[in-house]
Amino acid sequence: MRRKDREMSQEFGLEVIDRAAYGVLSVLDTDHTPYTLPLSIVRDGENLYFHSARAGHKVELFTHEPSATIVFVGRVEVPDVYGTETLEALKEGSAPLSGSMLSRIFTTEFESAIVRGRVVRVEDRKECVHALRLICEKYTAEKMDLFDKAVESGMPHTAIYRIRIDTITAKRKLVLPD
């Protein structure tokens, strides 16, 4: 990572994954171009899980357990480092304006994690149900009373995939006041 001052720990990266609404997974397509898609992903220890239909282009790509990269973006915010009065004074030229100040005005705070691993289809029914439960608890926790019925109805049409986290990097940018 070029900006070592923004590098964060593996634990921080795992927290970003847990907070992220989705992850963007990339694999190589058959024509050697990137195939990228956003997915609802959940983490259980060192494993990531997501679900899919049982047919389609991505299912075909995942047949050979491809290497994948998944990007997660957590909190993103444009900070208000300077108040309205200061910004007006800077605009009017009545206050000194530096490049450092401009870089803090026109910037974004963020946190992200990048994971590498292999996409593997889960065949064990118990692990599939466990993964689906984790996914549903993350995204539809208030509807878990219907989970067992949903599994019974949807499992024949649903594929579950696991990615073991081989590597993870994490990054955060915070803008500090003067």
N, C-alpha and C. Protein backbone atom coordinates (compact mmCIF):
# COMPACT_ATOMS: atom_id res chain seq x y z
N MET A 1 0.86 -1.17 0.00
CA MET A 1 0.00 0.00 0.00
C MET A 1 0.90 1.24 0.00
N ARG A 2 0.64 2.12 -0.93
CA ARG A 2 1.47 3.32 -1.06
C ARG A 2 1.33 4.23 0.14
N ARG A 3 0.13 4.51 0.58
CA ARG A 3 -0.09 5.43 1.70
C ARG A 3 -0.12 4.65 3.01
N LYS A 4 1.04 4.40 3.55
CA LYS A 4 1.15 3.64 4.80
C LYS A 4 0.45 4.33 5.96
N ASP A 5 0.33 5.66 5.88
CA ASP A 5 -0.35 6.39 6.95
C ASP A 5 -1.85 6.10 6.99
N ARG A 6 -2.37 5.51 5.94
CA ARG A 6 -3.80 5.17 5.90
C ARG A 6 -4.05 3.67 6.08
N GLU A 7 -3.00 2.89 6.12
CA GLU A 7 -3.14 1.45 6.27
C GLU A 7 -3.69 1.12 7.65
N MET A 8 -4.64 0.20 7.67
CA MET A 8 -5.28 -0.21 8.92
C MET A 8 -5.04 -1.71 9.14
N SER A 9 -5.38 -2.18 10.32
CA SER A 9 -5.15 -3.57 10.69
C SER A 9 -6.13 -4.52 10.01
N GLN A 10 -5.80 -5.80 10.06
CA GLN A 10 -6.71 -6.83 9.55
C GLN A 10 -8.02 -6.79 10.32
N GLU A 11 -7.96 -6.59 11.62
CA GLU A 11 -9.17 -6.53 12.44
C GLU A 11 -10.08 -5.39 11.98
N PHE A 12 -9.48 -4.25 11.67
CA PHE A 12 -10.26 -3.11 11.16
C PHE A 12 -10.93 -3.51 9.85
N GLY A 13 -10.20 -4.18 8.97
CA GLY A 13 -10.77 -4.63 7.70
C GLY A 13 -11.95 -5.56 7.89
N LEU A 14 -11.86 -6.45 8.86
CA LEU A 14 -12.99 -7.36 9.15
C LEU A 14 -14.20 -6.58 9.63
N GLU A 15 -13.96 -5.54 10.42
CA GLU A 15 -15.07 -4.69 10.88
C GLU A 15 -15.71 -3.94 9.71
N VAL A 16 -14.90 -3.49 8.75
CA VAL A 16 -15.45 -2.83 7.56
C VAL A 16 -16.35 -3.81 6.81
N ILE A 17 -15.90 -5.04 6.64
CA ILE A 17 -16.71 -6.05 5.96
C ILE A 17 -18.05 -6.22 6.67
N ASP A 18 -18.00 -6.32 7.98
CA ASP A 18 -19.23 -6.54 8.75
C ASP A 18 -20.20 -5.37 8.65
N ARG A 19 -19.68 -4.15 8.52
CA ARG A 19 -20.54 -2.96 8.42
C ARG A 19 -21.00 -2.66 7.00
N ALA A 20 -20.27 -3.14 6.01
CA ALA A 20 -20.56 -2.79 4.61
C ALA A 20 -21.91 -3.37 4.17
N ALA A 21 -22.65 -2.58 3.42
CA ALA A 21 -23.94 -3.03 2.91
C ALA A 21 -23.77 -4.11 1.84
N TYR A 22 -22.67 -4.08 1.14
CA TYR A 22 -22.41 -5.06 0.09
C TYR A 22 -20.91 -5.08 -0.22
N GLY A 23 -20.51 -6.08 -0.98
CA GLY A 23 -19.15 -6.17 -1.49
C GLY A 23 -19.21 -6.27 -2.99
N VAL A 24 -18.16 -5.81 -3.65
CA VAL A 24 -18.08 -5.89 -5.11
C VAL A 24 -17.01 -6.93 -5.44
N LEU A 25 -17.45 -8.04 -6.03
CA LEU A 25 -16.60 -9.18 -6.34
C LEU A 25 -16.15 -9.11 -7.79
N SER A 26 -14.87 -9.40 -8.03
CA SER A 26 -14.33 -9.43 -9.38
C SER A 26 -13.59 -10.73 -9.62
N VAL A 27 -13.86 -11.33 -10.78
CA VAL A 27 -13.13 -12.51 -11.26
C VAL A 27 -12.82 -12.26 -12.74
N LEU A 28 -11.99 -13.12 -13.32
CA LEU A 28 -11.74 -13.00 -14.75
C LEU A 28 -12.82 -13.74 -15.52
N ASP A 29 -13.35 -13.07 -16.54
CA ASP A 29 -14.34 -13.68 -17.41
C ASP A 29 -13.62 -14.60 -18.39
N THR A 30 -14.38 -15.36 -19.15
CA THR A 30 -13.78 -16.30 -20.10
C THR A 30 -12.97 -15.60 -21.18
N ASP A 31 -13.27 -14.33 -21.46
CA ASP A 31 -12.49 -13.57 -22.45
C ASP A 31 -11.35 -12.78 -21.79
N HIS A 32 -11.05 -13.11 -20.54
CA HIS A 32 -9.95 -12.51 -19.76
C HIS A 32 -10.16 -11.04 -19.44
N THR A 33 -11.41 -10.60 -19.43
CA THR A 33 -11.74 -9.26 -18.97
C THR A 33 -12.35 -9.38 -17.57
N PRO A 34 -12.33 -8.31 -16.79
CA PRO A 34 -12.91 -8.39 -15.45
C PRO A 34 -14.43 -8.60 -15.51
N TYR A 35 -14.91 -9.48 -14.67
CA TYR A 35 -16.35 -9.68 -14.47
C TYR A 35 -16.60 -9.28 -13.03
N THR A 36 -17.38 -8.23 -12.84
CA THR A 36 -17.54 -7.62 -11.53
C THR A 36 -19.01 -7.48 -11.20
N LEU A 37 -19.36 -7.82 -9.95
CA LEU A 37 -20.76 -7.69 -9.55
C LEU A 37 -20.87 -7.39 -8.06
N PRO A 38 -21.86 -6.55 -7.70
CA PRO A 38 -22.12 -6.28 -6.29
C PRO A 38 -22.92 -7.43 -5.68
N LEU A 39 -22.56 -7.81 -4.46
CA LEU A 39 -23.22 -8.93 -3.81
C LEU A 39 -23.51 -8.62 -2.34
N SER A 40 -24.56 -9.21 -1.83
CA SER A 40 -24.86 -9.15 -0.39
C SER A 40 -24.01 -10.23 0.27
N ILE A 41 -22.99 -9.81 0.98
CA ILE A 41 -21.99 -10.73 1.53
C ILE A 41 -21.99 -10.64 3.05
N VAL A 42 -21.83 -11.80 3.67
CA VAL A 42 -21.73 -11.86 5.13
C VAL A 42 -20.43 -12.60 5.49
N ARG A 43 -19.89 -12.26 6.64
CA ARG A 43 -18.65 -12.89 7.10
C ARG A 43 -18.92 -13.77 8.31
N ASP A 44 -18.26 -14.92 8.33
CA ASP A 44 -18.27 -15.81 9.49
C ASP A 44 -16.82 -16.22 9.73
N GLY A 45 -16.16 -15.57 10.66
CA GLY A 45 -14.74 -15.84 10.89
C GLY A 45 -13.93 -15.44 9.68
N GLU A 46 -13.19 -16.39 9.12
CA GLU A 46 -12.34 -16.13 7.95
C GLU A 46 -13.05 -16.47 6.64
N ASN A 47 -14.35 -16.71 6.70
CA ASN A 47 -15.12 -17.07 5.50
C ASN A 47 -16.14 -15.99 5.16
N LEU A 48 -16.28 -15.74 3.87
CA LEU A 48 -17.33 -14.87 3.35
C LEU A 48 -18.34 -15.76 2.65
N TYR A 49 -19.61 -15.42 2.77
CA TYR A 49 -20.67 -16.18 2.10
C TYR A 49 -21.57 -15.24 1.31
N PHE A 50 -22.04 -15.74 0.17
CA PHE A 50 -23.08 -15.06 -0.59
C PHE A 50 -23.91 -16.11 -1.30
N HIS A 51 -25.08 -15.70 -1.76
CA HIS A 51 -25.97 -16.64 -2.43
C HIS A 51 -26.23 -16.19 -3.86
N SER A 52 -26.75 -17.11 -4.64
CA SER A 52 -26.98 -16.87 -6.06
C SER A 52 -28.06 -17.83 -6.55
N ALA A 53 -28.56 -17.54 -7.74
CA ALA A 53 -29.37 -18.54 -8.43
C ALA A 53 -28.44 -19.70 -8.78
N ARG A 54 -29.01 -20.81 -9.17
CA ARG A 54 -28.21 -21.99 -9.50
C ARG A 54 -27.75 -22.03 -10.96
N ALA A 55 -28.17 -21.05 -11.74
CA ALA A 55 -27.78 -21.02 -13.16
C ALA A 55 -27.43 -19.59 -13.53
N GLY A 56 -26.69 -19.45 -14.61
CA GLY A 56 -26.34 -18.13 -15.10
C GLY A 56 -24.84 -18.02 -15.35
N HIS A 57 -24.46 -16.88 -15.88
CA HIS A 57 -23.07 -16.66 -16.28
C HIS A 57 -22.12 -16.75 -15.09
N LYS A 58 -22.45 -16.11 -13.97
CA LYS A 58 -21.52 -16.14 -12.84
C LYS A 58 -21.39 -17.56 -12.29
N VAL A 59 -22.47 -18.32 -12.30
CA VAL A 59 -22.41 -19.70 -11.83
C VAL A 59 -21.44 -20.50 -12.69
N GLU A 60 -21.48 -20.27 -14.00
CA GLU A 60 -20.54 -20.94 -14.90
C GLU A 60 -19.11 -20.52 -14.59
N LEU A 61 -18.90 -19.22 -14.35
CA LEU A 61 -17.55 -18.74 -14.03
C LEU A 61 -17.03 -19.33 -12.72
N PHE A 62 -17.92 -19.55 -11.76
CA PHE A 62 -17.51 -20.04 -10.45
C PHE A 62 -17.25 -21.54 -10.43
N THR A 63 -17.58 -22.24 -11.50
CA THR A 63 -17.43 -23.70 -11.56
C THR A 63 -16.00 -24.15 -11.28
N HIS A 64 -15.04 -23.39 -11.73
CA HIS A 64 -13.63 -23.78 -11.60
C HIS A 64 -12.95 -23.13 -10.39
N GLU A 65 -13.74 -22.68 -9.42
CA GLU A 65 -13.23 -22.08 -8.19
C GLU A 65 -12.19 -20.99 -8.47
N PRO A 66 -12.63 -19.93 -9.15
CA PRO A 66 -11.67 -18.90 -9.55
C PRO A 66 -11.17 -18.06 -8.38
N SER A 67 -9.99 -17.48 -8.58
CA SER A 67 -9.49 -16.47 -7.65
C SER A 67 -10.38 -15.24 -7.79
N ALA A 68 -10.62 -14.58 -6.67
CA ALA A 68 -11.50 -13.42 -6.68
C ALA A 68 -10.92 -12.32 -5.80
N THR A 69 -11.29 -11.11 -6.11
CA THR A 69 -11.01 -9.95 -5.28
C THR A 69 -12.35 -9.32 -4.93
N ILE A 70 -12.53 -9.00 -3.66
CA ILE A 70 -13.78 -8.39 -3.21
C ILE A 70 -13.44 -7.08 -2.52
N VAL A 71 -14.12 -6.02 -2.92
CA VAL A 71 -13.91 -4.70 -2.34
C VAL A 71 -15.13 -4.34 -1.49
N PHE A 72 -14.86 -3.89 -0.28
CA PHE A 72 -15.90 -3.43 0.64
C PHE A 72 -15.62 -1.98 0.99
N VAL A 73 -16.63 -1.16 0.96
CA VAL A 73 -16.50 0.24 1.36
C VAL A 73 -17.45 0.47 2.52
N GLY A 74 -16.89 0.94 3.61
CA GLY A 74 -17.70 1.23 4.79
C GLY A 74 -18.15 2.67 4.77
N ARG A 75 -17.87 3.37 5.84
CA ARG A 75 -18.29 4.76 5.98
C ARG A 75 -17.59 5.65 4.96
N VAL A 76 -18.37 6.51 4.30
CA VAL A 76 -17.87 7.52 3.37
C VAL A 76 -18.54 8.83 3.74
N GLU A 77 -17.74 9.87 3.87
CA GLU A 77 -18.32 11.15 4.29
C GLU A 77 -17.43 12.29 3.81
N VAL A 78 -18.07 13.36 3.37
CA VAL A 78 -17.35 14.60 3.06
C VAL A 78 -17.34 15.41 4.35
N PRO A 79 -16.16 15.62 4.93
CA PRO A 79 -16.11 16.30 6.22
C PRO A 79 -16.33 17.81 6.10
N ASP A 80 -16.95 18.38 7.10
CA ASP A 80 -17.08 19.84 7.20
C ASP A 80 -15.99 20.32 8.14
N VAL A 81 -14.81 20.53 7.59
CA VAL A 81 -13.66 20.91 8.40
C VAL A 81 -13.73 22.38 8.80
N TYR A 82 -14.26 23.21 7.90
CA TYR A 82 -14.34 24.64 8.15
C TYR A 82 -15.80 25.07 8.21
N GLY A 83 -16.10 25.99 9.09
CA GLY A 83 -17.45 26.51 9.22
C GLY A 83 -17.80 27.46 8.09
N THR A 84 -19.05 27.86 8.04
CA THR A 84 -19.57 28.75 6.99
C THR A 84 -18.82 30.07 6.94
N GLU A 85 -18.54 30.65 8.10
CA GLU A 85 -17.84 31.94 8.13
C GLU A 85 -16.44 31.83 7.54
N THR A 86 -15.73 30.78 7.89
CA THR A 86 -14.37 30.58 7.36
C THR A 86 -14.42 30.38 5.86
N LEU A 87 -15.36 29.58 5.39
CA LEU A 87 -15.47 29.33 3.94
C LEU A 87 -15.79 30.62 3.19
N GLU A 88 -16.67 31.46 3.74
CA GLU A 88 -16.98 32.76 3.12
C GLU A 88 -15.74 33.64 3.07
N ALA A 89 -14.99 33.69 4.16
CA ALA A 89 -13.78 34.51 4.20
C ALA A 89 -12.75 34.01 3.19
N LEU A 90 -12.65 32.71 3.04
CA LEU A 90 -11.73 32.15 2.05
C LEU A 90 -12.18 32.49 0.64
N LYS A 91 -13.47 32.41 0.39
CA LYS A 91 -14.03 32.72 -0.92
C LYS A 91 -13.80 34.18 -1.28
N GLU A 92 -14.00 35.07 -0.31
CA GLU A 92 -13.85 36.52 -0.54
C GLU A 92 -12.39 36.95 -0.58
N GLY A 93 -11.49 36.08 -0.13
CA GLY A 93 -10.08 36.44 -0.12
C GLY A 93 -9.66 37.19 1.12
N SER A 94 -10.52 37.31 2.11
CA SER A 94 -10.18 38.04 3.34
C SER A 94 -9.45 37.14 4.35
N ALA A 95 -9.27 35.88 4.02
CA ALA A 95 -8.49 34.96 4.85
C ALA A 95 -7.51 34.24 3.94
N PRO A 96 -6.30 33.95 4.45
CA PRO A 96 -5.31 33.26 3.62
C PRO A 96 -5.78 31.84 3.28
N LEU A 97 -5.57 31.45 2.04
CA LEU A 97 -6.00 30.14 1.54
C LEU A 97 -4.77 29.38 1.06
N SER A 98 -4.57 28.20 1.62
CA SER A 98 -3.42 27.38 1.22
C SER A 98 -3.90 26.13 0.49
N GLY A 99 -2.97 25.49 -0.19
CA GLY A 99 -3.28 24.22 -0.84
C GLY A 99 -3.70 23.16 0.15
N SER A 100 -3.10 23.19 1.33
CA SER A 100 -3.47 22.25 2.39
C SER A 100 -4.93 22.44 2.81
N MET A 101 -5.35 23.70 2.89
CA MET A 101 -6.75 23.97 3.25
C MET A 101 -7.68 23.47 2.16
N LEU A 102 -7.33 23.74 0.91
CA LEU A 102 -8.17 23.29 -0.20
C LEU A 102 -8.28 21.77 -0.22
N SER A 103 -7.17 21.10 0.06
CA SER A 103 -7.22 19.63 0.04
C SER A 103 -8.12 19.08 1.15
N ARG A 104 -8.30 19.83 2.24
CA ARG A 104 -9.20 19.38 3.30
C ARG A 104 -10.65 19.76 3.00
N ILE A 105 -10.86 20.77 2.16
CA ILE A 105 -12.22 21.15 1.76
C ILE A 105 -12.75 20.18 0.71
N PHE A 106 -11.91 19.85 -0.26
CA PHE A 106 -12.32 18.99 -1.37
C PHE A 106 -11.75 17.58 -1.18
N THR A 107 -12.29 16.86 -0.24
CA THR A 107 -11.82 15.51 0.03
C THR A 107 -12.95 14.66 0.58
N THR A 108 -12.68 13.41 0.76
CA THR A 108 -13.64 12.47 1.30
C THR A 108 -12.96 11.61 2.36
N GLU A 109 -13.63 11.44 3.48
CA GLU A 109 -13.18 10.45 4.46
C GLU A 109 -13.79 9.11 4.07
N PHE A 110 -13.05 8.04 4.27
CA PHE A 110 -13.57 6.73 3.89
C PHE A 110 -12.87 5.63 4.67
N GLU A 111 -13.47 4.45 4.58
CA GLU A 111 -12.84 3.23 5.07
C GLU A 111 -13.15 2.13 4.07
N SER A 112 -12.16 1.26 3.83
CA SER A 112 -12.37 0.19 2.86
C SER A 112 -11.54 -1.03 3.24
N ALA A 113 -11.94 -2.16 2.67
CA ALA A 113 -11.20 -3.40 2.84
C ALA A 113 -11.21 -4.13 1.51
N ILE A 114 -10.10 -4.77 1.21
CA ILE A 114 -9.98 -5.57 -0.02
C ILE A 114 -9.56 -6.98 0.39
N VAL A 115 -10.32 -7.96 -0.09
CA VAL A 115 -10.08 -9.36 0.24
C VAL A 115 -9.74 -10.12 -1.03
N ARG A 116 -8.83 -11.08 -0.88
CA ARG A 116 -8.55 -12.00 -1.98
C ARG A 116 -8.79 -13.43 -1.47
N GLY A 117 -9.33 -14.26 -2.37
CA GLY A 117 -9.60 -15.65 -2.03
C GLY A 117 -10.18 -16.37 -3.23
N ARG A 118 -10.59 -17.61 -3.03
CA ARG A 118 -11.18 -18.42 -4.11
C ARG A 118 -12.67 -18.61 -3.86
N VAL A 119 -13.43 -18.56 -4.94
CA VAL A 119 -14.88 -18.78 -4.88
C VAL A 119 -15.13 -20.29 -4.93
N VAL A 120 -15.77 -20.82 -3.89
CA VAL A 120 -16.06 -22.25 -3.81
C VAL A 120 -17.54 -22.44 -3.53
N ARG A 121 -18.18 -23.29 -4.29
CA ARG A 121 -19.59 -23.58 -4.04
C ARG A 121 -19.72 -24.48 -2.82
N VAL A 122 -20.63 -24.14 -1.94
CA VAL A 122 -20.88 -24.92 -0.73
C VAL A 122 -21.90 -26.00 -1.09
N GLU A 123 -21.56 -27.25 -0.82
CA GLU A 123 -22.46 -28.37 -1.13
C GLU A 123 -23.14 -28.92 0.11
N ASP A 124 -22.53 -28.77 1.27
CA ASP A 124 -23.07 -29.30 2.51
C ASP A 124 -24.32 -28.51 2.91
N ARG A 125 -25.45 -29.19 3.03
CA ARG A 125 -26.71 -28.50 3.33
C ARG A 125 -26.65 -27.74 4.65
N LYS A 126 -26.05 -28.32 5.66
CA LYS A 126 -25.97 -27.66 6.96
C LYS A 126 -25.20 -26.34 6.84
N GLU A 127 -24.10 -26.34 6.12
CA GLU A 127 -23.33 -25.10 5.92
C GLU A 127 -24.12 -24.11 5.08
N CYS A 128 -24.87 -24.60 4.09
CA CYS A 128 -25.71 -23.71 3.27
C CYS A 128 -26.75 -23.00 4.13
N VAL A 129 -27.43 -23.75 4.98
CA VAL A 129 -28.45 -23.16 5.85
C VAL A 129 -27.81 -22.17 6.81
N HIS A 130 -26.64 -22.52 7.35
CA HIS A 130 -25.92 -21.62 8.25
C HIS A 130 -25.59 -20.31 7.53
N ALA A 131 -25.08 -20.41 6.31
CA ALA A 131 -24.73 -19.21 5.54
C ALA A 131 -25.98 -18.37 5.25
N LEU A 132 -27.05 -19.02 4.84
CA LEU A 132 -28.30 -18.29 4.58
C LEU A 132 -28.82 -17.60 5.83
N ARG A 133 -28.70 -18.28 6.96
CA ARG A 133 -29.15 -17.68 8.22
C ARG A 133 -28.34 -16.41 8.51
N LEU A 134 -27.03 -16.48 8.33
CA LEU A 134 -26.18 -15.30 8.56
C LEU A 134 -26.54 -14.16 7.61
N ILE A 135 -26.77 -14.50 6.35
CA ILE A 135 -27.15 -13.48 5.36
C ILE A 135 -28.47 -12.84 5.76
N CYS A 136 -29.44 -13.66 6.10
CA CYS A 136 -30.76 -13.13 6.47
C CYS A 136 -30.72 -12.34 7.77
N GLU A 137 -29.91 -12.77 8.73
CA GLU A 137 -29.78 -12.01 9.98
C GLU A 137 -29.17 -10.63 9.72
N LYS A 138 -28.26 -10.56 8.75
CA LYS A 138 -27.63 -9.27 8.44
C LYS A 138 -28.59 -8.34 7.69
N TYR A 139 -29.32 -8.89 6.73
CA TYR A 139 -30.10 -8.04 5.83
C TYR A 139 -31.59 -7.97 6.14
N THR A 140 -32.14 -9.00 6.79
CA THR A 140 -33.59 -9.02 7.06
C THR A 140 -33.86 -9.56 8.46
N ALA A 141 -33.14 -9.05 9.43
CA ALA A 141 -33.22 -9.57 10.81
C ALA A 141 -34.64 -9.54 11.36
N GLU A 142 -35.42 -8.55 10.99
CA GLU A 142 -36.77 -8.42 11.54
C GLU A 142 -37.75 -9.44 10.96
N LYS A 143 -37.32 -10.23 9.99
CA LYS A 143 -38.21 -11.20 9.35
C LYS A 143 -37.78 -12.65 9.61
N MET A 144 -36.92 -12.87 10.59
CA MET A 144 -36.37 -14.21 10.82
C MET A 144 -37.42 -15.24 11.25
N ASP A 145 -38.58 -14.79 11.67
CA ASP A 145 -39.65 -15.74 12.01
C ASP A 145 -40.05 -16.59 10.81
N LEU A 146 -39.80 -16.08 9.61
CA LEU A 146 -40.16 -16.80 8.39
C LEU A 146 -38.96 -17.51 7.75
N PHE A 147 -37.82 -17.49 8.42
CA PHE A 147 -36.59 -18.02 7.83
C PHE A 147 -36.72 -19.49 7.43
N ASP A 148 -37.19 -20.34 8.32
CA ASP A 148 -37.27 -21.77 8.01
C ASP A 148 -38.14 -22.04 6.79
N LYS A 149 -39.24 -21.31 6.67
CA LYS A 149 -40.12 -21.48 5.50
C LYS A 149 -39.42 -21.00 4.23
N ALA A 150 -38.67 -19.91 4.35
CA ALA A 150 -37.94 -19.38 3.19
C ALA A 150 -36.87 -20.37 2.73
N VAL A 151 -36.18 -20.99 3.67
CA VAL A 151 -35.16 -21.99 3.33
C VAL A 151 -35.81 -23.17 2.62
N GLU A 152 -36.90 -23.65 3.18
CA GLU A 152 -37.61 -24.79 2.58
C GLU A 152 -38.05 -24.47 1.15
N SER A 153 -38.54 -23.28 0.94
CA SER A 153 -39.03 -22.87 -0.37
C SER A 153 -37.89 -22.55 -1.34
N GLY A 154 -36.87 -21.86 -0.86
CA GLY A 154 -35.84 -21.33 -1.76
C GLY A 154 -34.62 -22.18 -1.97
N MET A 155 -34.30 -23.08 -1.04
CA MET A 155 -33.06 -23.86 -1.13
C MET A 155 -32.90 -24.61 -2.45
N PRO A 156 -33.95 -25.21 -3.01
CA PRO A 156 -33.77 -25.91 -4.28
C PRO A 156 -33.32 -25.01 -5.43
N HIS A 157 -33.52 -23.71 -5.29
CA HIS A 157 -33.21 -22.77 -6.36
C HIS A 157 -32.00 -21.89 -6.03
N THR A 158 -31.34 -22.16 -4.90
CA THR A 158 -30.31 -21.27 -4.40
C THR A 158 -28.97 -21.98 -4.30
N ALA A 159 -27.93 -21.30 -4.78
CA ALA A 159 -26.56 -21.77 -4.61
C ALA A 159 -25.89 -20.88 -3.56
N ILE A 160 -25.06 -21.48 -2.74
CA ILE A 160 -24.31 -20.75 -1.72
C ILE A 160 -22.83 -20.88 -2.06
N TYR A 161 -22.12 -19.77 -1.96
CA TYR A 161 -20.69 -19.75 -2.23
C TYR A 161 -19.93 -19.25 -1.01
N ARG A 162 -18.72 -19.77 -0.85
CA ARG A 162 -17.84 -19.39 0.24
C ARG A 162 -16.52 -18.90 -0.35
N ILE A 163 -16.00 -17.87 0.25
CA ILE A 163 -14.65 -17.41 -0.07
C ILE A 163 -13.88 -17.36 1.24
N ARG A 164 -12.85 -18.18 1.34
CA ARG A 164 -11.98 -18.11 2.51
C ARG A 164 -11.06 -16.91 2.31
N ILE A 165 -10.94 -16.09 3.32
CA ILE A 165 -10.10 -14.89 3.21
C ILE A 165 -8.64 -15.32 3.22
N ASP A 166 -7.99 -15.24 2.05
CA ASP A 166 -6.55 -15.53 1.96
C ASP A 166 -5.73 -14.32 2.39
N THR A 167 -6.12 -13.15 1.87
CA THR A 167 -5.45 -11.90 2.28
C THR A 167 -6.51 -10.82 2.45
N ILE A 168 -6.20 -9.89 3.32
CA ILE A 168 -7.08 -8.74 3.52
C ILE A 168 -6.20 -7.52 3.77
N THR A 169 -6.55 -6.43 3.10
CA THR A 169 -5.92 -5.14 3.38
C THR A 169 -7.03 -4.16 3.72
N ALA A 170 -6.70 -3.20 4.55
CA ALA A 170 -7.70 -2.22 4.97
C ALA A 170 -7.07 -0.84 4.96
N LYS A 171 -7.93 0.15 4.72
CA LYS A 171 -7.46 1.52 4.59
C LYS A 171 -8.52 2.46 5.15
N ARG A 172 -8.05 3.57 5.71
CA ARG A 172 -8.97 4.59 6.20
C ARG A 172 -8.32 5.95 6.01
N LYS A 173 -9.15 6.90 5.59
CA LYS A 173 -8.70 8.29 5.51
C LYS A 173 -9.58 9.12 6.43
N LEU A 174 -8.94 9.81 7.34
CA LEU A 174 -9.62 10.76 8.21
C LEU A 174 -9.02 12.13 7.96
N VAL A 175 -9.86 13.15 7.95
CA VAL A 175 -9.39 14.52 7.78
C VAL A 175 -9.40 15.17 9.16
N LEU A 176 -8.24 15.61 9.57
CA LEU A 176 -8.12 16.23 10.90
C LEU A 176 -8.21 17.74 10.77
N PRO A 177 -8.83 18.38 11.75
CA PRO A 177 -8.90 19.85 11.72
C PRO A 177 -7.51 20.46 11.89
N ASP A 178 -7.40 21.74 11.56
CA ASP A 178 -6.10 22.43 11.70
C ASP A 178 -5.58 22.36 13.11
